[in-house]
Amino acid sequence: MHKKRYTGFNLIELMITIAIIAILSTIAYASYSSSITRAKRVEGKSALFKAMQQEERFFTQHNRYIVFGKITSDPNASSFQWYSGDSATKSGYELSAAPCKDSAIQHCVEIMATPGTQNVDSHFQDSECEKFSLTSTGIKSFSGNGNKEQCW
């Protein structure tokens, strides 16, 4: 009598295969998340520069900067985009403009990009850089614990 030989995977081989797949997918997800965060940062910074250019054009026409955000009472501010992407729900950052610290709006404006508010994609958070800001005097800053090269 010949013994039947079974072919296929045994339980240990299957568990090792599942463990390898789990490790690889964890690494891939971390890399994907990091790429999404970097892309959203670029989106936010790009929106800051675009808004600052629009502020400078407004300044040349009206000799003052303008405060803007999602909710604004100034009819001139409605032409300013308050979110960083193509639509508010898909944007990573909410934009707003206010006078610089210790200055009037006629002299200096600071535009802030705040990540993941209730008005934009609230699931997006950037713990390294957090809130970005750009002033009309050219000062770039961020409120997170990351380094300047990483964030700006």
C-alpha atoms as a PDB file:
ATOM      1  CA  MET A   1       0.000   0.000   0.000  1.00  0.00           C
ATOM      2  CA  HIS A   2       1.156   3.423  -0.856  1.00  0.00           C
ATOM      3  CA  LYS A   3       0.519   6.413   1.363  1.00  0.00           C
ATOM      4  CA  LYS A   4      -1.381   9.231  -0.228  1.00  0.00           C
ATOM      5  CA  ARG A   5       0.694  12.376  -0.421  1.00  0.00           C
ATOM      6  CA  TYR A   6      -1.222  15.571   0.200  1.00  0.00           C
ATOM      7  CA  THR A   7      -0.172  18.682  -1.618  1.00  0.00           C
ATOM      8  CA  GLY A   8      -0.917  22.233  -0.614  1.00  0.00           C
ATOM      9  CA  PHE A   9      -0.168  24.473   2.319  1.00  0.00           C
ATOM     10  CA  ASN A  10      -0.084  23.376   5.896  1.00  0.00           C
ATOM     11  CA  LEU A  11      -1.225  25.687   8.692  1.00  0.00           C
ATOM     12  CA  ILE A  12       2.254  26.984   9.568  1.00  0.00           C
ATOM     13  CA  GLU A  13       3.034  27.919   5.969  1.00  0.00           C
ATOM     14  CA  LEU A  14      -0.292  29.714   5.719  1.00  0.00           C
ATOM     15  CA  MET A  15       0.320  31.666   8.944  1.00  0.00           C
ATOM     16  CA  ILE A  16       3.803  32.713   7.794  1.00  0.00           C
ATOM     17  CA  THR A  17       2.398  33.900   4.469  1.00  0.00           C
ATOM     18  CA  ILE A  18      -0.331  35.918   6.211  1.00  0.00           C
ATOM     19  CA  ALA A  19       2.242  37.453   8.590  1.00  0.00           C
ATOM     20  CA  ILE A  20       4.474  38.516   5.687  1.00  0.00           C
ATOM     21  CA  ILE A  21       1.518  40.054   3.845  1.00  0.00           C
ATOM     22  CA  ALA A  22       0.477  41.916   7.020  1.00  0.00           C
ATOM     23  CA  ILE A  23       3.980  43.350   7.529  1.00  0.00           C
ATOM     24  CA  LEU A  24       4.265  44.457   3.904  1.00  0.00           C
ATOM     25  CA  SER A  25       0.817  46.057   3.901  1.00  0.00           C
ATOM     26  CA  THR A  26       1.610  47.940   7.135  1.00  0.00           C
ATOM     27  CA  ILE A  27       4.760  49.363   5.570  1.00  0.00           C
ATOM     28  CA  ALA A  28       2.897  50.252   2.368  1.00  0.00           C
ATOM     29  CA  TYR A  29       0.081  51.985   4.288  1.00  0.00           C
ATOM     30  CA  ALA A  30       2.548  54.071   6.314  1.00  0.00           C
ATOM     31  CA  SER A  31       4.299  55.135   3.126  1.00  0.00           C
ATOM     32  CA  TYR A  32       0.962  55.944   1.461  1.00  0.00           C
ATOM     33  CA  SER A  33      -0.201  58.015   4.452  1.00  0.00           C
ATOM     34  CA  SER A  34       3.056  59.937   4.459  1.00  0.00           C
ATOM     35  CA  SER A  35       2.693  60.674   0.738  1.00  0.00           C
ATOM     36  CA  ILE A  36      -0.871  61.920   1.210  1.00  0.00           C
ATOM     37  CA  THR A  37       0.239  64.237   4.044  1.00  0.00           C
ATOM     38  CA  ARG A  38       3.079  65.671   1.946  1.00  0.00           C
ATOM     39  CA  ALA A  39       0.714  66.218  -0.994  1.00  0.00           C
ATOM     40  CA  LYS A  40      -1.813  68.009   1.229  1.00  0.00           C
ATOM     41  CA  ARG A  41       0.996  70.216   2.611  1.00  0.00           C
ATOM     42  CA  VAL A  42       1.965  71.214  -0.916  1.00  0.00           C
ATOM     43  CA  GLU A  43      -1.703  71.940  -1.644  1.00  0.00           C
ATOM     44  CA  GLY A  44      -1.929  74.157   1.463  1.00  0.00           C
ATOM     45  CA  LYS A  45       1.274  76.087   0.759  1.00  0.00           C
ATOM     46  CA  SER A  46       0.308  76.573  -2.866  1.00  0.00           C
ATOM     47  CA  ALA A  47      -3.058  77.964  -1.775  1.00  0.00           C
ATOM     48  CA  LEU A  48      -1.274  80.336   0.628  1.00  0.00           C
ATOM     49  CA  PHE A  49       0.901  81.753  -2.162  1.00  0.00           C
ATOM     50  CA  LYS A  50      -2.065  82.057  -4.506  1.00  0.00           C
ATOM     51  CA  ALA A  51      -4.095  83.887  -1.860  1.00  0.00           C
ATOM     52  CA  MET A  52      -1.157  86.190  -1.084  1.00  0.00           C
ATOM     53  CA  GLN A  53      -0.846  87.081  -4.780  1.00  0.00           C
ATOM     54  CA  GLN A  54      -4.546  87.885  -4.793  1.00  0.00           C
ATOM     55  CA  GLU A  55      -4.086  90.010  -1.644  1.00  0.00           C
ATOM     56  CA  GLU A  56      -1.257  91.936  -3.316  1.00  0.00           C
ATOM     57  CA  ARG A  57      -3.432  92.610  -6.377  1.00  0.00           C
ATOM     58  CA  PHE A  58      -6.186  93.837  -4.052  1.00  0.00           C
ATOM     59  CA  PHE A  59      -3.665  96.045  -2.249  1.00  0.00           C
ATOM     60  CA  THR A  60      -2.528  97.707  -5.487  1.00  0.00           C
ATOM     61  CA  GLN A  61      -6.160  98.534  -6.355  1.00  0.00           C
ATOM     62  CA  HIS A  62      -7.451  99.578  -2.906  1.00  0.00           C
ATOM     63  CA  ASN A  63      -4.308 100.536  -0.951  1.00  0.00           C
ATOM     64  CA  ARG A  64      -5.141  98.025   1.796  1.00  0.00           C
ATOM     65  CA  TYR A  65      -5.306  94.312   2.366  1.00  0.00           C
ATOM     66  CA  ILE A  66      -8.555  92.490   3.063  1.00  0.00           C
ATOM     67  CA  VAL A  67      -9.637  90.091   5.793  1.00  0.00           C
ATOM     68  CA  PHE A  68     -11.242  86.922   4.432  1.00  0.00           C
ATOM     69  CA  GLY A  69     -12.359  83.477   5.535  1.00  0.00           C
ATOM     70  CA  LYS A  70     -15.308  81.140   5.185  1.00  0.00           C
ATOM     71  CA  ILE A  71     -17.577  83.658   6.870  1.00  0.00           C
ATOM     72  CA  THR A  72     -16.935  87.262   5.919  1.00  0.00           C
ATOM     73  CA  SER A  73     -19.009  90.411   5.862  1.00  0.00           C
ATOM     74  CA  ASP A  74     -16.933  92.269   3.265  1.00  0.00           C
ATOM     75  CA  PRO A  75     -18.376  91.727  -0.243  1.00  0.00           C
ATOM     76  CA  ASN A  76     -14.876  92.152  -1.756  1.00  0.00           C
ATOM     77  CA  ALA A  77     -13.699  89.099   0.221  1.00  0.00           C
ATOM     78  CA  SER A  78     -16.106  86.748  -1.542  1.00  0.00           C
ATOM     79  CA  SER A  79     -13.674  86.487  -4.467  1.00  0.00           C
ATOM     80  CA  PHE A  80     -11.039  84.935  -2.168  1.00  0.00           C
ATOM     81  CA  GLN A  81     -11.025  81.128  -1.939  1.00  0.00           C
ATOM     82  CA  TRP A  82     -11.118  80.030   1.719  1.00  0.00           C
ATOM     83  CA  TYR A  83     -10.147  76.391   1.092  1.00  0.00           C
ATOM     84  CA  SER A  84      -6.955  74.953  -0.366  1.00  0.00           C
ATOM     85  CA  GLY A  85      -8.133  72.460  -3.005  1.00  0.00           C
ATOM     86  CA  ASP A  86     -10.651  72.157  -5.793  1.00  0.00           C
ATOM     87  CA  SER A  87     -13.594  71.806  -3.401  1.00  0.00           C
ATOM     88  CA  ALA A  88     -14.073  72.479   0.297  1.00  0.00           C
ATOM     89  CA  THR A  89     -14.912  68.878   1.214  1.00  0.00           C
ATOM     90  CA  LYS A  90     -11.739  67.497  -0.394  1.00  0.00           C
ATOM     91  CA  SER A  91      -9.398  70.264   0.782  1.00  0.00           C
ATOM     92  CA  GLY A  92      -6.893  69.633   3.530  1.00  0.00           C
ATOM     93  CA  TYR A  93      -6.671  73.242   4.726  1.00  0.00           C
ATOM     94  CA  GLU A  94      -9.026  76.098   5.511  1.00  0.00           C
ATOM     95  CA  LEU A  95      -7.623  79.526   4.635  1.00  0.00           C
ATOM     96  CA  SER A  96      -8.224  82.789   6.459  1.00  0.00           C
ATOM     97  CA  ALA A  97      -6.600  86.210   6.461  1.00  0.00           C
ATOM     98  CA  ALA A  98      -6.193  88.638   9.344  1.00  0.00           C
ATOM     99  CA  PRO A  99      -4.011  91.646  10.165  1.00  0.00           C
ATOM    100  CA  CYS A 100      -0.452  90.793  11.194  1.00  0.00           C
ATOM    101  CA  LYS A 101       0.305  90.951  14.910  1.00  0.00           C
ATOM    102  CA  ASP A 102       0.919  94.521  16.073  1.00  0.00           C
ATOM    103  CA  SER A 103      -0.104  95.920  12.691  1.00  0.00           C
ATOM    104  CA  ALA A 104      -3.178  97.248  10.909  1.00  0.00           C
ATOM    105  CA  ILE A 105      -4.717  95.538   7.889  1.00  0.00           C
ATOM    106  CA  GLN A 106      -3.660  98.532   5.770  1.00  0.00           C
ATOM    107  CA  HIS A 107       0.002  97.649   6.340  1.00  0.00           C
ATOM    108  CA  CYS A 108       0.287  93.880   6.724  1.00  0.00           C
ATOM    109  CA  VAL A 109      -1.838  90.761   6.275  1.00  0.00           C
ATOM    110  CA  GLU A 110      -1.224  87.221   7.521  1.00  0.00           C
ATOM    111  CA  ILE A 111      -2.856  84.314   5.715  1.00  0.00           C
ATOM    112  CA  MET A 112      -3.262  81.120   7.723  1.00  0.00           C
ATOM    113  CA  ALA A 113      -3.884  77.570   6.492  1.00  0.00           C
ATOM    114  CA  THR A 114      -5.466  75.417   9.198  1.00  0.00           C
ATOM    115  CA  PRO A 115      -5.597  71.650   8.577  1.00  0.00           C
ATOM    116  CA  GLY A 116      -8.675  69.490   8.968  1.00  0.00           C
ATOM    117  CA  THR A 117     -11.312  71.906  10.249  1.00  0.00           C
ATOM    118  CA  GLN A 118     -15.026  71.134  10.221  1.00  0.00           C
ATOM    119  CA  ASN A 119     -15.364  73.173   6.999  1.00  0.00           C
ATOM    120  CA  VAL A 120     -12.828  71.093   5.029  1.00  0.00           C
ATOM    121  CA  ASP A 121     -11.696  67.435   5.226  1.00  0.00           C
ATOM    122  CA  SER A 122     -11.855  66.956   9.007  1.00  0.00           C
ATOM    123  CA  HIS A 123     -10.077  63.581   8.759  1.00  0.00           C
ATOM    124  CA  PHE A 124      -6.854  65.215   7.585  1.00  0.00           C
ATOM    125  CA  GLN A 125      -4.477  66.122  10.393  1.00  0.00           C
ATOM    126  CA  ASP A 126      -0.852  67.206  10.172  1.00  0.00           C
ATOM    127  CA  SER A 127       0.725  66.789  13.591  1.00  0.00           C
ATOM    128  CA  GLU A 128       4.227  67.673  12.369  1.00  0.00           C
ATOM    129  CA  CYS A 129       3.553  71.040  10.728  1.00  0.00           C
ATOM    130  CA  GLU A 130      -0.018  71.851  11.839  1.00  0.00           C
ATOM    131  CA  LYS A 131      -1.042  75.403  10.882  1.00  0.00           C
ATOM    132  CA  PHE A 132       0.900  77.291   8.173  1.00  0.00           C
ATOM    133  CA  SER A 133       1.011  81.050   7.830  1.00  0.00           C
ATOM    134  CA  LEU A 134       2.442  83.553   5.378  1.00  0.00           C
ATOM    135  CA  THR A 135       2.614  87.326   5.871  1.00  0.00           C
ATOM    136  CA  SER A 136       2.717  90.068   3.267  1.00  0.00           C
ATOM    137  CA  THR A 137       6.202  90.889   4.577  1.00  0.00           C
ATOM    138  CA  GLY A 138       7.350  87.406   3.501  1.00  0.00           C
ATOM    139  CA  ILE A 139       7.494  85.659   6.885  1.00  0.00           C
ATOM    140  CA  LYS A 140       6.675  81.949   6.632  1.00  0.00           C
ATOM    141  CA  SER A 141       5.835  80.031   9.786  1.00  0.00           C
ATOM    142  CA  PHE A 142       4.146  76.899  11.094  1.00  0.00           C
ATOM    143  CA  SER A 143       2.888  75.866  14.513  1.00  0.00           C
ATOM    144  CA  GLY A 144       3.895  72.191  14.626  1.00  0.00           C
ATOM    145  CA  ASN A 145       6.923  70.349  15.987  1.00  0.00           C
ATOM    146  CA  GLY A 146       8.431  69.499  12.581  1.00  0.00           C
ATOM    147  CA  ASN A 147      11.525  71.154  11.170  1.00  0.00           C
ATOM    148  CA  LYS A 148      11.462  74.072   8.732  1.00  0.00           C
ATOM    149  CA  GLU A 149      12.890  72.074   5.806  1.00  0.00           C
ATOM    150  CA  GLN A 150      10.204  69.458   6.232  1.00  0.00           C
ATOM    151  CA  CYS A 151       7.324  71.908   6.588  1.00  0.00           C
ATOM    152  CA  TRP A 152       8.366  74.777   4.296  1.00  0.00           C
END
